[in-house]
């Protein structure tokens, strides 16, 4: 084993042991009382903090936040190990096996494939995996536990409903919203407009969730850009 691989293996083993020490008798009371349900919010928060660090492109922060996220994964694995369900080793082995299984065009002796063929192969392998589960998978639905923009775009892509309504329809909704005094009506219209924006994002191969985050960061860093001549926003 090379020095770098040995250092990585040692460091990850030490992290695993640190987590176990925190949760062992005589460890930290807060860490000891955590459960999968109480950890969920911390896992989500750490994932979003990784995204925020990436958005600001500060490598020191990205490294730190990835460590926080990695800690949550180790923490959860230790909880399930204590319950006798699986260990961190099983987590690592499972994802390695999945990556190799879902990339036969890389790890098997297969002819070159187009990106479309690779995507079709990926979906076929996933479908076969579902059939071979020892326990039935929960039913899939479009509104999975994802941010709403991400879930909406995933649904649009899945059902191939990329074509947004016409510009005239969109402006009609906006005009209706401007004169509406009914909260329920306003919510419905805004929902339709949000879906319209996500459809446009998908049409232009843009991730809507990332796009909105980046725009929020731009606006939080200063005043909105001044309008150009003719009243058009200078984007």
C-alpha atoms as a PDB file:
ATOM      1  CA  UNK A   1       0.000   0.000   0.000  1.00  0.00           C
ATOM      2  CA  UNK A   2       1.354   3.460  -0.909  1.00  0.00           C
ATOM      3  CA  UNK A   3       2.086   6.003   1.815  1.00  0.00           C
ATOM      4  CA  UNK A   4      -0.876   8.186   0.813  1.00  0.00           C
ATOM      5  CA  UNK A   5      -3.306   5.249   0.891  1.00  0.00           C
ATOM      6  CA  UNK A   6      -1.920   4.128   4.237  1.00  0.00           C
ATOM      7  CA  UNK A   7      -2.326   7.642   5.642  1.00  0.00           C
ATOM      8  CA  UNK A   8      -5.916   7.767   4.386  1.00  0.00           C
ATOM      9  CA  UNK A   9      -6.747   4.345   5.841  1.00  0.00           C
ATOM     10  CA  UNK A  10      -5.221   5.313   9.188  1.00  0.00           C
ATOM     11  CA  UNK A  11      -7.031   8.652   9.297  1.00  0.00           C
ATOM     12  CA  UNK A  12     -10.439   7.143   8.473  1.00  0.00           C
ATOM     13  CA  UNK A  13      -9.914   4.384  11.036  1.00  0.00           C
ATOM     14  CA  UNK A  14      -9.007   7.002  13.642  1.00  0.00           C
ATOM     15  CA  UNK A  15     -12.145   8.991  12.822  1.00  0.00           C
ATOM     16  CA  UNK A  16     -14.249   5.870  13.255  1.00  0.00           C
ATOM     17  CA  UNK A  17     -12.622   5.237  16.634  1.00  0.00           C
ATOM     18  CA  UNK A  18     -13.161   8.852  17.706  1.00  0.00           C
ATOM     19  CA  UNK A  19     -16.892   8.507  16.999  1.00  0.00           C
ATOM     20  CA  UNK A  20     -17.019   5.262  18.966  1.00  0.00           C
ATOM     21  CA  UNK A  21     -15.245   6.924  21.913  1.00  0.00           C
ATOM     22  CA  UNK A  22     -17.743   9.785  21.909  1.00  0.00           C
ATOM     23  CA  UNK A  23     -20.666   7.337  22.013  1.00  0.00           C
ATOM     24  CA  UNK A  24     -19.137   4.849  24.460  1.00  0.00           C
ATOM     25  CA  UNK A  25     -19.938   4.788  28.194  1.00  0.00           C
ATOM     26  CA  UNK A  26     -18.093   7.718  29.701  1.00  0.00           C
ATOM     27  CA  UNK A  27     -18.186   9.566  26.377  1.00  0.00           C
ATOM     28  CA  UNK A  28     -20.132  12.702  25.473  1.00  0.00           C
ATOM     29  CA  UNK A  29     -23.727  12.698  26.857  1.00  0.00           C
ATOM     30  CA  UNK A  30     -25.043  14.544  23.782  1.00  0.00           C
ATOM     31  CA  UNK A  31     -23.414  12.133  21.328  1.00  0.00           C
ATOM     32  CA  UNK A  32     -24.561   9.110  23.315  1.00  0.00           C
ATOM     33  CA  UNK A  33     -28.240  10.046  23.205  1.00  0.00           C
ATOM     34  CA  UNK A  34     -28.435  10.700  19.454  1.00  0.00           C
ATOM     35  CA  UNK A  35     -30.605   8.494  17.232  1.00  0.00           C
ATOM     36  CA  UNK A  36     -31.066   8.302  13.456  1.00  0.00           C
ATOM     37  CA  UNK A  37     -34.114  10.573  13.766  1.00  0.00           C
ATOM     38  CA  UNK A  38     -32.246  13.245  15.726  1.00  0.00           C
ATOM     39  CA  UNK A  39     -29.281  13.105  13.348  1.00  0.00           C
ATOM     40  CA  UNK A  40     -31.366  13.677  10.201  1.00  0.00           C
ATOM     41  CA  UNK A  41     -31.551  17.448  10.582  1.00  0.00           C
ATOM     42  CA  UNK A  42     -27.806  17.684  11.238  1.00  0.00           C
ATOM     43  CA  UNK A  43     -27.077  15.555   8.170  1.00  0.00           C
ATOM     44  CA  UNK A  44     -29.213  17.864   6.033  1.00  0.00           C
ATOM     45  CA  UNK A  45     -27.684  21.018   7.506  1.00  0.00           C
ATOM     46  CA  UNK A  46     -24.152  19.772   6.894  1.00  0.00           C
ATOM     47  CA  UNK A  47     -25.002  18.859   3.295  1.00  0.00           C
ATOM     48  CA  UNK A  48     -26.306  22.380   2.664  1.00  0.00           C
ATOM     49  CA  UNK A  49     -23.233  23.893   4.311  1.00  0.00           C
ATOM     50  CA  UNK A  50     -21.100  21.921   1.842  1.00  0.00           C
ATOM     51  CA  UNK A  51     -23.139  23.448  -0.996  1.00  0.00           C
ATOM     52  CA  UNK A  52     -22.694  26.921   0.454  1.00  0.00           C
ATOM     53  CA  UNK A  53     -18.930  26.432   0.730  1.00  0.00           C
ATOM     54  CA  UNK A  54     -18.798  25.240  -2.891  1.00  0.00           C
ATOM     55  CA  UNK A  55     -20.826  28.266  -3.994  1.00  0.00           C
ATOM     56  CA  UNK A  56     -18.283  30.583  -2.335  1.00  0.00           C
ATOM     57  CA  UNK A  57     -15.387  28.518  -3.749  1.00  0.00           C
ATOM     58  CA  UNK A  58     -13.191  28.673  -0.643  1.00  0.00           C
ATOM     59  CA  UNK A  59     -11.234  25.424  -0.551  1.00  0.00           C
ATOM     60  CA  UNK A  60     -10.512  25.634   3.189  1.00  0.00           C
ATOM     61  CA  UNK A  61     -14.240  25.882   3.948  1.00  0.00           C
ATOM     62  CA  UNK A  62     -15.117  23.116   1.481  1.00  0.00           C
ATOM     63  CA  UNK A  63     -12.593  20.812   3.131  1.00  0.00           C
ATOM     64  CA  UNK A  64     -13.951  21.619   6.593  1.00  0.00           C
ATOM     65  CA  UNK A  65     -17.606  21.171   5.614  1.00  0.00           C
ATOM     66  CA  UNK A  66     -16.891  17.879   3.836  1.00  0.00           C
ATOM     67  CA  UNK A  67     -15.346  16.711   7.101  1.00  0.00           C
ATOM     68  CA  UNK A  68     -18.499  17.681   9.007  1.00  0.00           C
ATOM     69  CA  UNK A  69     -20.614  15.769   6.494  1.00  0.00           C
ATOM     70  CA  UNK A  70     -18.317  12.748   6.660  1.00  0.00           C
ATOM     71  CA  UNK A  71     -18.638  12.781  10.446  1.00  0.00           C
ATOM     72  CA  UNK A  72     -22.428  12.511  10.160  1.00  0.00           C
ATOM     73  CA  UNK A  73     -22.074   9.437   7.925  1.00  0.00           C
ATOM     74  CA  UNK A  74     -19.672   7.768  10.344  1.00  0.00           C
ATOM     75  CA  UNK A  75     -21.939   8.731  13.234  1.00  0.00           C
ATOM     76  CA  UNK A  76     -25.018   7.155  11.653  1.00  0.00           C
ATOM     77  CA  UNK A  77     -23.103   4.012  10.731  1.00  0.00           C
ATOM     78  CA  UNK A  78     -21.981   3.650  14.352  1.00  0.00           C
ATOM     79  CA  UNK A  79     -25.556   3.994  15.616  1.00  0.00           C
ATOM     80  CA  UNK A  80     -26.713   1.213  13.298  1.00  0.00           C
ATOM     81  CA  UNK A  81     -23.714  -0.929  14.232  1.00  0.00           C
ATOM     82  CA  UNK A  82     -24.689  -0.627  17.891  1.00  0.00           C
ATOM     83  CA  UNK A  83     -28.185  -1.785  16.917  1.00  0.00           C
ATOM     84  CA  UNK A  84     -26.664  -4.836  15.205  1.00  0.00           C
ATOM     85  CA  UNK A  85     -27.936  -3.907  11.728  1.00  0.00           C
ATOM     86  CA  UNK A  86     -24.769  -3.096   9.754  1.00  0.00           C
ATOM     87  CA  UNK A  87     -21.272  -1.633  10.149  1.00  0.00           C
ATOM     88  CA  UNK A  88     -19.299   1.103   8.416  1.00  0.00           C
ATOM     89  CA  UNK A  89     -17.468  -1.662   6.529  1.00  0.00           C
ATOM     90  CA  UNK A  90     -20.806  -2.785   5.060  1.00  0.00           C
ATOM     91  CA  UNK A  91     -21.548   0.774   3.947  1.00  0.00           C
ATOM     92  CA  UNK A  92     -18.203   1.030   2.147  1.00  0.00           C
ATOM     93  CA  UNK A  93     -18.499  -2.418   0.564  1.00  0.00           C
ATOM     94  CA  UNK A  94     -22.060  -1.724  -0.604  1.00  0.00           C
ATOM     95  CA  UNK A  95     -21.224   1.515  -2.394  1.00  0.00           C
ATOM     96  CA  UNK A  96     -18.091   0.043  -3.989  1.00  0.00           C
ATOM     97  CA  UNK A  97     -20.080  -2.922  -5.287  1.00  0.00           C
ATOM     98  CA  UNK A  98     -22.809  -0.601  -6.570  1.00  0.00           C
ATOM     99  CA  UNK A  99     -20.359   1.640  -8.423  1.00  0.00           C
ATOM    100  CA  UNK A 100     -18.699  -1.326 -10.125  1.00  0.00           C
ATOM    101  CA  UNK A 101     -22.040  -2.971 -10.911  1.00  0.00           C
ATOM    102  CA  UNK A 102     -23.492   0.199 -12.438  1.00  0.00           C
ATOM    103  CA  UNK A 103     -20.415   0.924 -14.553  1.00  0.00           C
ATOM    104  CA  UNK A 104     -19.884  -2.261 -16.585  1.00  0.00           C
ATOM    105  CA  UNK A 105     -18.697  -0.060 -19.463  1.00  0.00           C
ATOM    106  CA  UNK A 106     -15.712   0.838 -17.243  1.00  0.00           C
ATOM    107  CA  UNK A 107     -15.028  -2.295 -15.213  1.00  0.00           C
ATOM    108  CA  UNK A 108     -16.101  -4.957 -17.735  1.00  0.00           C
ATOM    109  CA  UNK A 109     -14.765  -5.616 -21.214  1.00  0.00           C
ATOM    110  CA  UNK A 110     -17.563  -3.861 -23.119  1.00  0.00           C
ATOM    111  CA  UNK A 111     -17.438  -1.904 -26.373  1.00  0.00           C
ATOM    112  CA  UNK A 112     -17.537   1.887 -26.262  1.00  0.00           C
ATOM    113  CA  UNK A 113     -20.984   3.298 -25.510  1.00  0.00           C
ATOM    114  CA  UNK A 114     -22.640   6.652 -26.096  1.00  0.00           C
ATOM    115  CA  UNK A 115     -23.823   8.734 -23.147  1.00  0.00           C
ATOM    116  CA  UNK A 116     -27.439   7.878 -23.999  1.00  0.00           C
ATOM    117  CA  UNK A 117     -26.633   4.151 -24.005  1.00  0.00           C
ATOM    118  CA  UNK A 118     -24.835   4.491 -20.668  1.00  0.00           C
ATOM    119  CA  UNK A 119     -27.874   6.233 -19.157  1.00  0.00           C
ATOM    120  CA  UNK A 120     -30.201   3.504 -20.455  1.00  0.00           C
ATOM    121  CA  UNK A 121     -27.894   0.842 -19.054  1.00  0.00           C
ATOM    122  CA  UNK A 122     -27.806   2.640 -15.693  1.00  0.00           C
ATOM    123  CA  UNK A 123     -31.606   2.686 -15.433  1.00  0.00           C
ATOM    124  CA  UNK A 124     -31.845  -0.988 -16.459  1.00  0.00           C
ATOM    125  CA  UNK A 125     -29.334  -1.980 -13.781  1.00  0.00           C
ATOM    126  CA  UNK A 126     -31.210   0.051 -11.154  1.00  0.00           C
ATOM    127  CA  UNK A 127     -34.465  -1.661 -12.118  1.00  0.00           C
ATOM    128  CA  UNK A 128     -32.838  -5.086 -11.806  1.00  0.00           C
ATOM    129  CA  UNK A 129     -31.418  -4.147  -8.407  1.00  0.00           C
ATOM    130  CA  UNK A 130     -34.906  -3.271  -7.180  1.00  0.00           C
ATOM    131  CA  UNK A 131     -36.156  -6.740  -8.140  1.00  0.00           C
ATOM    132  CA  UNK A 132     -33.376  -8.406  -6.154  1.00  0.00           C
ATOM    133  CA  UNK A 133     -33.863  -6.477  -2.896  1.00  0.00           C
ATOM    134  CA  UNK A 134     -34.392  -8.648   0.179  1.00  0.00           C
ATOM    135  CA  UNK A 135     -36.994  -6.133   1.363  1.00  0.00           C
ATOM    136  CA  UNK A 136     -39.421  -4.309  -0.927  1.00  0.00           C
ATOM    137  CA  UNK A 137     -38.346  -0.779  -1.683  1.00  0.00           C
ATOM    138  CA  UNK A 138     -40.699   2.037  -0.658  1.00  0.00           C
ATOM    139  CA  UNK A 139     -42.808   3.213  -3.594  1.00  0.00           C
ATOM    140  CA  UNK A 140     -41.077   5.850  -5.672  1.00  0.00           C
ATOM    141  CA  UNK A 141     -42.811   9.152  -6.109  1.00  0.00           C
ATOM    142  CA  UNK A 142     -41.858  12.409  -7.748  1.00  0.00           C
ATOM    143  CA  UNK A 143     -41.949  14.489  -4.570  1.00  0.00           C
ATOM    144  CA  UNK A 144     -39.200  12.579  -2.810  1.00  0.00           C
ATOM    145  CA  UNK A 145     -37.609  14.237   0.255  1.00  0.00           C
ATOM    146  CA  UNK A 146     -35.802  16.774  -1.934  1.00  0.00           C
ATOM    147  CA  UNK A 147     -35.879  20.561  -2.160  1.00  0.00           C
ATOM    148  CA  UNK A 148     -38.990  21.532  -4.115  1.00  0.00           C
ATOM    149  CA  UNK A 149     -37.168  22.964  -7.132  1.00  0.00           C
ATOM    150  CA  UNK A 150     -34.976  19.882  -7.392  1.00  0.00           C
ATOM    151  CA  UNK A 151     -37.933  17.514  -7.003  1.00  0.00           C
ATOM    152  CA  UNK A 152     -39.940  19.429  -9.621  1.00  0.00           C
ATOM    153  CA  UNK A 153     -37.098  19.376 -12.141  1.00  0.00           C
ATOM    154  CA  UNK A 154     -36.517  15.680 -11.517  1.00  0.00           C
ATOM    155  CA  UNK A 155     -40.226  15.011 -12.186  1.00  0.00           C
ATOM    156  CA  UNK A 156     -40.166  17.108 -15.369  1.00  0.00           C
ATOM    157  CA  UNK A 157     -37.153  15.185 -16.633  1.00  0.00           C
ATOM    158  CA  UNK A 158     -38.629  11.814 -15.668  1.00  0.00           C
ATOM    159  CA  UNK A 159     -41.948  12.434 -17.421  1.00  0.00           C
ATOM    160  CA  UNK A 160     -40.403  14.370 -20.316  1.00  0.00           C
ATOM    161  CA  UNK A 161     -42.646  17.396 -19.737  1.00  0.00           C
ATOM    162  CA  UNK A 162     -39.980  19.952 -20.593  1.00  0.00           C
ATOM    163  CA  UNK A 163     -42.074  22.174 -22.881  1.00  0.00           C
ATOM    164  CA  UNK A 164     -43.127  25.192 -20.788  1.00  0.00           C
ATOM    165  CA  UNK A 165     -46.344  27.121 -21.393  1.00  0.00           C
ATOM    166  CA  UNK A 166     -46.258  29.980 -23.856  1.00  0.00           C
ATOM    167  CA  UNK A 167     -44.935  33.392 -22.878  1.00  0.00           C
ATOM    168  CA  UNK A 168     -48.459  34.741 -23.329  1.00  0.00           C
ATOM    169  CA  UNK A 169     -49.782  32.237 -20.785  1.00  0.00           C
ATOM    170  CA  UNK A 170     -47.045  33.147 -18.323  1.00  0.00           C
ATOM    171  CA  UNK A 171     -47.759  36.878 -18.613  1.00  0.00           C
ATOM    172  CA  UNK A 172     -51.478  36.187 -18.273  1.00  0.00           C
ATOM    173  CA  UNK A 173     -50.745  34.453 -14.962  1.00  0.00           C
ATOM    174  CA  UNK A 174     -48.629  37.417 -13.829  1.00  0.00           C
ATOM    175  CA  UNK A 175     -51.367  39.913 -14.725  1.00  0.00           C
ATOM    176  CA  UNK A 176     -53.909  37.759 -12.887  1.00  0.00           C
ATOM    177  CA  UNK A 177     -51.611  37.663  -9.866  1.00  0.00           C
ATOM    178  CA  UNK A 178     -51.271  41.452  -9.842  1.00  0.00           C
ATOM    179  CA  UNK A 179     -55.026  41.960  -9.529  1.00  0.00           C
ATOM    180  CA  UNK A 180     -55.835  38.965  -7.339  1.00  0.00           C
ATOM    181  CA  UNK A 181     -56.839  39.603  -3.724  1.00  0.00           C
ATOM    182  CA  UNK A 182     -57.417  35.935  -2.883  1.00  0.00           C
ATOM    183  CA  UNK A 183     -54.528  34.225  -1.101  1.00  0.00           C
ATOM    184  CA  UNK A 184     -55.436  30.754  -2.373  1.00  0.00           C
ATOM    185  CA  UNK A 185     -55.584  31.993  -5.955  1.00  0.00           C
ATOM    186  CA  UNK A 186     -52.243  33.755  -5.551  1.00  0.00           C
ATOM    187  CA  UNK A 187     -50.630  30.575  -4.195  1.00  0.00           C
ATOM    188  CA  UNK A 188     -51.908  28.574  -7.168  1.00  0.00           C
ATOM    189  CA  UNK A 189     -50.641  31.128  -9.686  1.00  0.00           C
ATOM    190  CA  UNK A 190     -47.230  31.443  -8.041  1.00  0.00           C
ATOM    191  CA  UNK A 191     -46.941  27.653  -7.989  1.00  0.00           C
ATOM    192  CA  UNK A 192     -47.659  27.524 -11.724  1.00  0.00           C
ATOM    193  CA  UNK A 193     -45.104  30.259 -12.401  1.00  0.00           C
ATOM    194  CA  UNK A 194     -42.469  28.435 -10.371  1.00  0.00           C
ATOM    195  CA  UNK A 195     -43.072  25.253 -12.375  1.00  0.00           C
ATOM    196  CA  UNK A 196     -42.865  27.352 -15.550  1.00  0.00           C
ATOM    197  CA  UNK A 197     -39.436  28.655 -14.460  1.00  0.00           C
ATOM    198  CA  UNK A 198     -38.233  25.135 -13.686  1.00  0.00           C
ATOM    199  CA  UNK A 199     -39.423  23.977 -17.119  1.00  0.00           C
ATOM    200  CA  UNK A 200     -37.424  26.795 -18.696  1.00  0.00           C
ATOM    201  CA  UNK A 201     -34.379  25.787 -16.656  1.00  0.00           C
ATOM    202  CA  UNK A 202     -34.679  22.188 -17.829  1.00  0.00           C
ATOM    203  CA  UNK A 203     -35.158  23.361 -21.414  1.00  0.00           C
ATOM    204  CA  UNK A 204     -31.822  25.208 -21.178  1.00  0.00           C
ATOM    205  CA  UNK A 205     -30.097  22.352 -19.298  1.00  0.00           C
ATOM    206  CA  UNK A 206     -29.735  24.494 -16.161  1.00  0.00           C
ATOM    207  CA  UNK A 207     -30.136  23.185 -12.629  1.00  0.00           C
ATOM    208  CA  UNK A 208     -32.911  25.339 -11.164  1.00  0.00           C
ATOM    209  CA  UNK A 209     -31.898  24.792  -7.529  1.00  0.00           C
ATOM    210  CA  UNK A 210     -28.296  25.845  -8.182  1.00  0.00           C
ATOM    211  CA  UNK A 211     -29.415  28.742 -10.365  1.00  0.00           C
ATOM    212  CA  UNK A 212     -31.609  30.178  -7.597  1.00  0.00           C
ATOM    213  CA  UNK A 213     -28.886  29.701  -4.965  1.00  0.00           C
ATOM    214  CA  UNK A 214     -26.359  31.541  -7.130  1.00  0.00           C
ATOM    215  CA  UNK A 215     -28.781  34.410  -7.718  1.00  0.00           C
ATOM    216  CA  UNK A 216     -29.480  34.663  -3.977  1.00  0.00           C
ATOM    217  CA  UNK A 217     -25.732  34.859  -3.319  1.00  0.00           C
ATOM    218  CA  UNK A 218     -25.332  37.626  -5.920  1.00  0.00           C
ATOM    219  CA  UNK A 219     -28.141  39.653  -4.364  1.00  0.00           C
ATOM    220  CA  UNK A 220     -26.899  39.102  -0.813  1.00  0.00           C
ATOM    221  CA  UNK A 221     -23.481  40.440  -1.808  1.00  0.00           C
ATOM    222  CA  UNK A 222     -24.856  43.814  -2.858  1.00  0.00           C
ATOM    223  CA  UNK A 223     -27.720  45.706  -4.386  1.00  0.00           C
ATOM    224  CA  UNK A 224     -29.614  44.226  -7.321  1.00  0.00           C
ATOM    225  CA  UNK A 225     -28.149  45.315 -10.674  1.00  0.00           C
ATOM    226  CA  UNK A 226     -29.566  48.568 -12.041  1.00  0.00           C
ATOM    227  CA  UNK A 227     -32.093  48.356 -14.888  1.00  0.00           C
ATOM    228  CA  UNK A 228     -30.842  48.974 -18.402  1.00  0.00           C
ATOM    229  CA  UNK A 229     -32.420  51.366 -20.864  1.00  0.00           C
ATOM    230  CA  UNK A 230     -36.015  50.511 -21.592  1.00  0.00           C
ATOM    231  CA  UNK A 231     -36.578  49.128 -18.113  1.00  0.00           C
ATOM    232  CA  UNK A 232     -34.994  45.746 -18.790  1.00  0.00           C
ATOM    233  CA  UNK A 233     -33.064  44.210 -15.892  1.00  0.00           C
ATOM    234  CA  UNK A 234     -29.330  44.049 -16.551  1.00  0.00           C
ATOM    235  CA  UNK A 235     -28.639  40.398 -15.785  1.00  0.00           C
END
